[in-house]
Amino acid sequence: MSEQLKQARLAEGDWVAGTSVNDERIRGYVRSRDPLDGIVTVAVVESDRAESVGKTVYAKEAQLKRLPDDVASDPEALRELIDLALSARDEAWFYELTAELIALTAVRGMSAAPA
């Protein structure tokens, strides 16, 4: 991972991995960030503590690393995120991800078509 990704401030919606304030390994996306105390709330999608999956936990910003944003080029990853958006009942995110998947599928379909 580049040093620039590690140093950049986190923003809502960024995918992160790291350790929560309860010392559990987490992976998820940023729900909110308090710039004054450096505390971030993370919606957990993976954790070494099964009870935390699907919940929001607190983490110190310094204990998190932003994950790369290359998920938009992987149809299977987009489908998993669509499932997550449905579970979270996040309609806007669901439509955004679905549009990305449709666009990606169309581009791949056109590139696979004979000339």
N, C-alpha and C. Protein backbone atom coordinates (compact mmCIF):
# COMPACT_ATOMS: atom_id res chain seq x y z
N MET A 1 0.85 -1.17 0.00
CA MET A 1 0.00 0.00 0.00
C MET A 1 0.90 1.23 0.00
N SER A 2 0.53 2.23 -0.76
CA SER A 2 1.37 3.41 -0.86
C SER A 2 1.33 4.21 0.43
N GLU A 3 2.41 4.93 0.66
CA GLU A 3 2.52 5.79 1.85
C GLU A 3 1.45 6.88 1.82
N GLN A 4 1.10 7.32 0.61
CA GLN A 4 0.10 8.37 0.46
C GLN A 4 -1.27 7.90 0.97
N LEU A 5 -1.65 6.64 0.69
CA LEU A 5 -2.92 6.11 1.19
C LEU A 5 -2.91 6.05 2.72
N LYS A 6 -1.79 5.66 3.31
CA LYS A 6 -1.71 5.55 4.76
C LYS A 6 -1.86 6.91 5.43
N GLN A 7 -1.28 7.95 4.83
CA GLN A 7 -1.24 9.26 5.44
C GLN A 7 -2.51 10.08 5.22
N ALA A 8 -3.28 9.78 4.19
CA ALA A 8 -4.46 10.57 3.86
C ALA A 8 -5.50 10.46 4.97
N ARG A 9 -6.18 11.54 5.22
CA ARG A 9 -7.26 11.53 6.21
C ARG A 9 -8.41 10.68 5.70
N LEU A 10 -9.06 10.02 6.61
CA LEU A 10 -10.20 9.18 6.24
C LEU A 10 -11.43 10.04 6.08
N ALA A 11 -12.33 9.59 5.23
CA ALA A 11 -13.59 10.29 4.99
C ALA A 11 -14.73 9.27 5.03
N GLU A 12 -15.93 9.76 5.21
CA GLU A 12 -17.10 8.88 5.20
C GLU A 12 -17.11 8.07 3.92
N GLY A 13 -17.37 6.78 4.06
CA GLY A 13 -17.45 5.90 2.91
C GLY A 13 -16.15 5.20 2.54
N ASP A 14 -15.02 5.66 3.10
CA ASP A 14 -13.74 5.00 2.82
C ASP A 14 -13.74 3.59 3.41
N TRP A 15 -13.19 2.64 2.66
CA TRP A 15 -13.01 1.28 3.17
C TRP A 15 -11.71 1.23 3.95
N VAL A 16 -11.77 0.63 5.14
CA VAL A 16 -10.62 0.61 6.04
C VAL A 16 -10.43 -0.77 6.66
N ALA A 17 -9.23 -1.00 7.15
CA ALA A 17 -8.90 -2.20 7.93
C ALA A 17 -8.02 -1.75 9.07
N GLY A 18 -8.16 -2.43 10.21
CA GLY A 18 -7.33 -2.06 11.35
C GLY A 18 -7.85 -2.68 12.64
N THR A 19 -7.67 -1.93 13.72
CA THR A 19 -8.01 -2.41 15.06
C THR A 19 -8.97 -1.43 15.72
N SER A 20 -10.02 -1.96 16.33
CA SER A 20 -10.99 -1.11 17.03
C SER A 20 -10.46 -0.73 18.40
N VAL A 21 -11.19 0.16 19.09
CA VAL A 21 -10.78 0.54 20.44
C VAL A 21 -10.90 -0.65 21.41
N ASN A 22 -11.65 -1.68 21.02
CA ASN A 22 -11.78 -2.89 21.83
C ASN A 22 -10.78 -3.96 21.42
N ASP A 23 -9.76 -3.56 20.63
CA ASP A 23 -8.68 -4.44 20.22
C ASP A 23 -9.14 -5.63 19.37
N GLU A 24 -10.12 -5.38 18.51
CA GLU A 24 -10.56 -6.43 17.59
C GLU A 24 -10.15 -6.02 16.17
N ARG A 25 -9.73 -6.99 15.38
CA ARG A 25 -9.36 -6.73 13.99
C ARG A 25 -10.65 -6.52 13.21
N ILE A 26 -10.71 -5.43 12.46
CA ILE A 26 -11.92 -5.10 11.73
C ILE A 26 -11.61 -4.70 10.29
N ARG A 27 -12.63 -4.85 9.47
CA ARG A 27 -12.60 -4.36 8.09
C ARG A 27 -14.00 -3.86 7.81
N GLY A 28 -14.10 -2.67 7.24
CA GLY A 28 -15.42 -2.10 6.97
C GLY A 28 -15.28 -0.74 6.34
N TYR A 29 -16.33 0.04 6.46
CA TYR A 29 -16.30 1.38 5.87
C TYR A 29 -16.62 2.43 6.93
N VAL A 30 -16.05 3.62 6.71
CA VAL A 30 -16.18 4.71 7.66
C VAL A 30 -17.59 5.27 7.60
N ARG A 31 -18.24 5.31 8.76
CA ARG A 31 -19.56 5.93 8.88
C ARG A 31 -19.43 7.41 9.23
N SER A 32 -18.50 7.71 10.14
CA SER A 32 -18.27 9.10 10.54
C SER A 32 -16.87 9.23 11.13
N ARG A 33 -16.43 10.47 11.24
CA ARG A 33 -15.09 10.75 11.76
C ARG A 33 -15.14 12.03 12.58
N ASP A 34 -14.57 11.98 13.77
CA ASP A 34 -14.48 13.17 14.61
C ASP A 34 -13.06 13.71 14.50
N PRO A 35 -12.87 14.82 13.78
CA PRO A 35 -11.51 15.32 13.57
C PRO A 35 -10.84 15.83 14.84
N LEU A 36 -11.61 16.18 15.85
CA LEU A 36 -11.02 16.71 17.08
C LEU A 36 -10.33 15.64 17.92
N ASP A 37 -10.99 14.48 18.06
CA ASP A 37 -10.37 13.44 18.90
C ASP A 37 -9.82 12.27 18.09
N GLY A 38 -9.98 12.28 16.75
CA GLY A 38 -9.41 11.23 15.92
C GLY A 38 -10.12 9.90 16.02
N ILE A 39 -11.37 9.93 16.48
CA ILE A 39 -12.16 8.69 16.59
C ILE A 39 -13.02 8.55 15.34
N VAL A 40 -13.04 7.32 14.81
CA VAL A 40 -13.80 7.01 13.59
C VAL A 40 -14.81 5.93 13.95
N THR A 41 -16.04 6.05 13.42
CA THR A 41 -16.99 4.96 13.56
C THR A 41 -16.94 4.16 12.27
N VAL A 42 -16.85 2.83 12.41
CA VAL A 42 -16.69 1.94 11.28
C VAL A 42 -17.83 0.92 11.26
N ALA A 43 -18.50 0.80 10.12
CA ALA A 43 -19.49 -0.26 9.91
C ALA A 43 -18.70 -1.51 9.56
N VAL A 44 -18.76 -2.51 10.40
CA VAL A 44 -17.90 -3.69 10.28
C VAL A 44 -18.53 -4.73 9.35
N VAL A 45 -17.72 -5.18 8.36
CA VAL A 45 -18.16 -6.25 7.46
C VAL A 45 -17.36 -7.53 7.68
N GLU A 46 -16.17 -7.41 8.29
CA GLU A 46 -15.35 -8.56 8.67
C GLU A 46 -14.66 -8.25 9.98
N SER A 47 -14.56 -9.28 10.84
CA SER A 47 -13.88 -9.07 12.12
C SER A 47 -13.44 -10.41 12.69
N ASP A 48 -12.43 -10.37 13.56
CA ASP A 48 -12.04 -11.59 14.26
C ASP A 48 -13.00 -11.87 15.42
N ARG A 49 -13.91 -10.96 15.66
CA ARG A 49 -14.95 -11.13 16.68
C ARG A 49 -16.29 -11.14 15.95
N ALA A 50 -16.86 -12.30 15.76
CA ALA A 50 -18.07 -12.49 14.95
C ALA A 50 -19.22 -11.58 15.37
N GLU A 51 -19.32 -11.28 16.67
CA GLU A 51 -20.42 -10.45 17.16
C GLU A 51 -20.37 -9.02 16.61
N SER A 52 -19.21 -8.59 16.15
CA SER A 52 -19.06 -7.22 15.65
C SER A 52 -19.49 -7.05 14.20
N VAL A 53 -19.55 -8.14 13.45
CA VAL A 53 -19.93 -8.06 12.04
C VAL A 53 -21.36 -7.55 11.93
N GLY A 54 -21.54 -6.53 11.09
CA GLY A 54 -22.85 -5.92 10.91
C GLY A 54 -23.14 -4.79 11.89
N LYS A 55 -22.22 -4.54 12.80
CA LYS A 55 -22.41 -3.48 13.79
C LYS A 55 -21.45 -2.33 13.49
N THR A 56 -21.63 -1.23 14.19
CA THR A 56 -20.73 -0.08 14.09
C THR A 56 -19.87 -0.05 15.34
N VAL A 57 -18.55 0.10 15.14
CA VAL A 57 -17.61 0.14 16.27
C VAL A 57 -16.77 1.41 16.16
N TYR A 58 -16.08 1.73 17.24
CA TYR A 58 -15.19 2.89 17.27
C TYR A 58 -13.75 2.44 17.08
N ALA A 59 -12.99 3.29 16.41
CA ALA A 59 -11.56 3.02 16.23
C ALA A 59 -10.82 4.35 16.19
N LYS A 60 -9.56 4.33 16.62
CA LYS A 60 -8.72 5.51 16.49
C LYS A 60 -8.25 5.58 15.04
N GLU A 61 -8.32 6.77 14.47
CA GLU A 61 -7.94 6.93 13.08
C GLU A 61 -6.53 6.40 12.81
N ALA A 62 -5.62 6.58 13.77
CA ALA A 62 -4.24 6.13 13.61
C ALA A 62 -4.13 4.61 13.54
N GLN A 63 -5.16 3.89 14.00
CA GLN A 63 -5.14 2.43 14.00
C GLN A 63 -5.79 1.84 12.76
N LEU A 64 -6.18 2.70 11.81
CA LEU A 64 -6.86 2.24 10.59
C LEU A 64 -6.03 2.58 9.37
N LYS A 65 -6.16 1.74 8.36
CA LYS A 65 -5.53 2.00 7.06
C LYS A 65 -6.62 1.98 6.01
N ARG A 66 -6.57 2.97 5.14
CA ARG A 66 -7.53 3.03 4.04
C ARG A 66 -7.19 1.91 3.06
N LEU A 67 -8.23 1.24 2.57
CA LEU A 67 -8.05 0.19 1.56
C LEU A 67 -8.16 0.81 0.17
N PRO A 68 -7.51 0.22 -0.81
CA PRO A 68 -7.59 0.76 -2.18
C PRO A 68 -9.01 0.75 -2.71
N ASP A 69 -9.29 1.66 -3.64
CA ASP A 69 -10.63 1.82 -4.20
C ASP A 69 -10.82 1.05 -5.51
N ASP A 70 -10.13 -0.06 -5.71
CA ASP A 70 -10.20 -0.77 -6.98
C ASP A 70 -11.36 -1.76 -7.09
N VAL A 71 -12.27 -1.74 -6.14
CA VAL A 71 -13.39 -2.68 -6.14
C VAL A 71 -14.31 -2.49 -7.35
N ALA A 72 -14.34 -1.29 -7.92
CA ALA A 72 -15.25 -1.01 -9.03
C ALA A 72 -14.92 -1.80 -10.29
N SER A 73 -13.76 -2.43 -10.37
CA SER A 73 -13.41 -3.20 -11.55
C SER A 73 -13.65 -4.69 -11.36
N ASP A 74 -14.20 -5.09 -10.23
CA ASP A 74 -14.43 -6.51 -9.92
C ASP A 74 -15.93 -6.77 -9.74
N PRO A 75 -16.57 -7.41 -10.73
CA PRO A 75 -18.02 -7.63 -10.64
C PRO A 75 -18.44 -8.42 -9.40
N GLU A 76 -17.65 -9.41 -9.01
CA GLU A 76 -18.01 -10.22 -7.83
C GLU A 76 -17.96 -9.37 -6.56
N ALA A 77 -16.96 -8.51 -6.44
CA ALA A 77 -16.87 -7.63 -5.28
C ALA A 77 -18.04 -6.66 -5.25
N LEU A 78 -18.43 -6.16 -6.42
CA LEU A 78 -19.59 -5.27 -6.49
C LEU A 78 -20.86 -5.99 -6.05
N ARG A 79 -21.01 -7.24 -6.47
CA ARG A 79 -22.21 -8.02 -6.04
C ARG A 79 -22.23 -8.20 -4.53
N GLU A 80 -21.07 -8.46 -3.93
CA GLU A 80 -20.99 -8.59 -2.47
C GLU A 80 -21.36 -7.29 -1.78
N LEU A 81 -20.89 -6.17 -2.34
CA LEU A 81 -21.23 -4.88 -1.76
C LEU A 81 -22.71 -4.56 -1.93
N ILE A 82 -23.30 -4.99 -3.04
CA ILE A 82 -24.74 -4.80 -3.25
C ILE A 82 -25.50 -5.56 -2.18
N ASP A 83 -25.07 -6.79 -1.88
CA ASP A 83 -25.70 -7.56 -0.80
C ASP A 83 -25.57 -6.82 0.54
N LEU A 84 -24.40 -6.25 0.77
CA LEU A 84 -24.18 -5.49 2.01
C LEU A 84 -25.08 -4.27 2.06
N ALA A 85 -25.23 -3.57 0.93
CA ALA A 85 -26.11 -2.39 0.89
C ALA A 85 -27.56 -2.79 1.18
N LEU A 86 -27.97 -3.93 0.66
CA LEU A 86 -29.33 -4.42 0.94
C LEU A 86 -29.48 -4.74 2.43
N SER A 87 -28.47 -5.39 3.00
CA SER A 87 -28.53 -5.72 4.43
C SER A 87 -28.60 -4.47 5.29
N ALA A 88 -27.86 -3.44 4.85
CA ALA A 88 -27.83 -2.19 5.61
C ALA A 88 -29.03 -1.30 5.30
N ARG A 89 -29.85 -1.72 4.32
CA ARG A 89 -31.02 -0.96 3.87
C ARG A 89 -30.63 0.45 3.41
N ASP A 90 -29.48 0.50 2.72
CA ASP A 90 -28.96 1.77 2.21
C ASP A 90 -29.32 1.86 0.73
N GLU A 91 -30.47 2.46 0.47
CA GLU A 91 -31.02 2.51 -0.89
C GLU A 91 -30.11 3.28 -1.85
N ALA A 92 -29.58 4.41 -1.42
CA ALA A 92 -28.72 5.21 -2.30
C ALA A 92 -27.47 4.43 -2.69
N TRP A 93 -26.86 3.78 -1.72
CA TRP A 93 -25.65 3.00 -2.00
C TRP A 93 -25.98 1.83 -2.92
N PHE A 94 -27.12 1.17 -2.68
CA PHE A 94 -27.55 0.07 -3.53
C PHE A 94 -27.65 0.52 -4.99
N TYR A 95 -28.31 1.65 -5.24
CA TYR A 95 -28.45 2.13 -6.61
C TYR A 95 -27.11 2.53 -7.21
N GLU A 96 -26.25 3.13 -6.42
CA GLU A 96 -24.93 3.52 -6.90
C GLU A 96 -24.12 2.28 -7.33
N LEU A 97 -24.12 1.26 -6.47
CA LEU A 97 -23.37 0.03 -6.78
C LEU A 97 -23.97 -0.71 -7.97
N THR A 98 -25.29 -0.74 -8.04
CA THR A 98 -25.96 -1.41 -9.15
C THR A 98 -25.62 -0.72 -10.47
N ALA A 99 -25.62 0.59 -10.47
CA ALA A 99 -25.25 1.34 -11.69
C ALA A 99 -23.81 1.03 -12.09
N GLU A 100 -22.90 0.95 -11.11
CA GLU A 100 -21.50 0.61 -11.42
C GLU A 100 -21.40 -0.79 -12.02
N LEU A 101 -22.15 -1.74 -11.45
CA LEU A 101 -22.12 -3.11 -11.96
C LEU A 101 -22.68 -3.18 -13.38
N ILE A 102 -23.77 -2.49 -13.64
CA ILE A 102 -24.37 -2.48 -14.98
C ILE A 102 -23.39 -1.87 -15.98
N ALA A 103 -22.77 -0.75 -15.60
CA ALA A 103 -21.81 -0.10 -16.50
C ALA A 103 -20.61 -1.01 -16.76
N LEU A 104 -20.10 -1.65 -15.73
CA LEU A 104 -18.96 -2.55 -15.88
C LEU A 104 -19.31 -3.74 -16.77
N THR A 105 -20.48 -4.30 -16.57
CA THR A 105 -20.93 -5.44 -17.37
C THR A 105 -21.09 -5.03 -18.83
N ALA A 106 -21.62 -3.85 -19.07
CA ALA A 106 -21.81 -3.36 -20.44
C ALA A 106 -20.46 -3.15 -21.12
N VAL A 107 -19.51 -2.56 -20.41
CA VAL A 107 -18.18 -2.32 -20.98
C VAL A 107 -17.49 -3.64 -21.29
N ARG A 108 -17.57 -4.58 -20.38
CA ARG A 108 -16.94 -5.88 -20.61
C ARG A 108 -17.63 -6.63 -21.73
N GLY A 109 -18.94 -6.47 -21.83
CA GLY A 109 -19.70 -7.12 -22.91
C GLY A 109 -19.31 -6.57 -24.26
N MET A 110 -19.11 -5.25 -24.33
CA MET A 110 -18.72 -4.62 -25.60
C MET A 110 -17.29 -5.00 -25.97
N SER A 111 -16.41 -5.12 -24.99
CA SER A 111 -15.02 -5.46 -25.31
C SER A 111 -14.88 -6.93 -25.71
N ALA A 112 -15.87 -7.76 -25.33
CA ALA A 112 -15.82 -9.16 -25.68
C ALA A 112 -16.49 -9.44 -27.02
N ALA A 113 -17.25 -8.45 -27.53
CA ALA A 113 -17.96 -8.62 -28.80
C ALA A 113 -16.98 -8.63 -29.97
N PRO A 114 -17.25 -9.44 -31.00
CA PRO A 114 -16.36 -9.46 -32.15
C PRO A 114 -16.43 -8.13 -32.90
N ALA A 115 -15.33 -7.76 -33.50
CA ALA A 115 -15.24 -6.48 -34.23
C ALA A 115 -15.83 -6.57 -35.60
